Amino acid sequence: MQTQFGLIHFWQQGDIVTHVTALILLLLSVLSWALIVGRFARQLRINLAIERAPQAFWQARSLPAALQEIEAADRTGLYVGMARAAVREADAYGCPLAGNTASISPAQCATCGDPAKNCHASRSLGAGVSLSESVTRALRNYMLSAQASLESGLTFLASVGSTAPFIGLFGTVWGIYHALVALSGSTSVVLDKVAGPVGEALIMTAAGLFVAIPAVLAYNALTRANRLVMAQLDGFAHDLHAYFTTGTRRPAEPYSVPTHAAAGAAPVALARRAA
């Protein structure tokens, strides 16, 4: 009599440990694929924003118009948030470029001793900090939060890619153990007693690899994409810093990332100050 072996047969032959292991792998697969699809869809929107947002900002004729243009071109909020963070910090210091055209007299800044700073700096914890340092701090803090947002979910993918093969290996070992137990009281090898546990073990190995391989590939691809996005944001942050501290306006030209940045070079730290 022929016995049909399939997934349903292996599931029926398994015990509670096998079922729990299979459900864990299934849950990890569903969560990782949902995260992969969502992150790659977001990455497509970020790529469109990289091409459009900086040009839309620098081609505008005024700062309010630039904020409106970049908000329309950036659906992700990365460039919009950075521009608004720089504008808020510059406006707090009374920078004319940020829309506050009130003149600042030396008498108003007598407490800090520097006519280039207004009373906002002398009344806050950042007393004695120049406009350049304040804008640098605001942009750096925004880049840190943007990096944390871009890297959300990557730890889960890395964990799935590193642990799923071992979870499948556990199911493999448990299936082989069942096969040995089935043979312990037999004087001859019986296919019905061995095929189920061995097949169960092989399926668990394949399931672990099926869950781990897409997670590892997606993690590597998203890590590289995030590195390029951070390099783009770093360049835009330096241009905003130069504009609000020196009034120099960047020419409207597309951003480009050097080849070595794609090979693993980290974005330039936003710690340099304008001369």
Foldseek 3Di string as FASTA:
>chain_A
DDDDDDPVNLVVPDDPLLVVLVVVLVVLQVVLVVVLVVLVVVLVLLVQLLFQQLLLLQVDPANVSSLVRNCVRRPNCLVSVLSVLLLVLLVLFQQVNSPRPDQQAVVQVVQLPDSQTGCSLVVDPNNPDGSLRSSLVSNQVSLVVVLVVLCPPLVSLVVLLVCLQVSLQVQLVVLVVQLCVLCVPDPDDDCVSRVSSNVRSVVSNVSSCVSNVVSVVSSVVSVLSSQVSSQSSLVVSVQSSCCRPPVDRDDSDRDDDDPVSSVPDGHDRSPDTDD
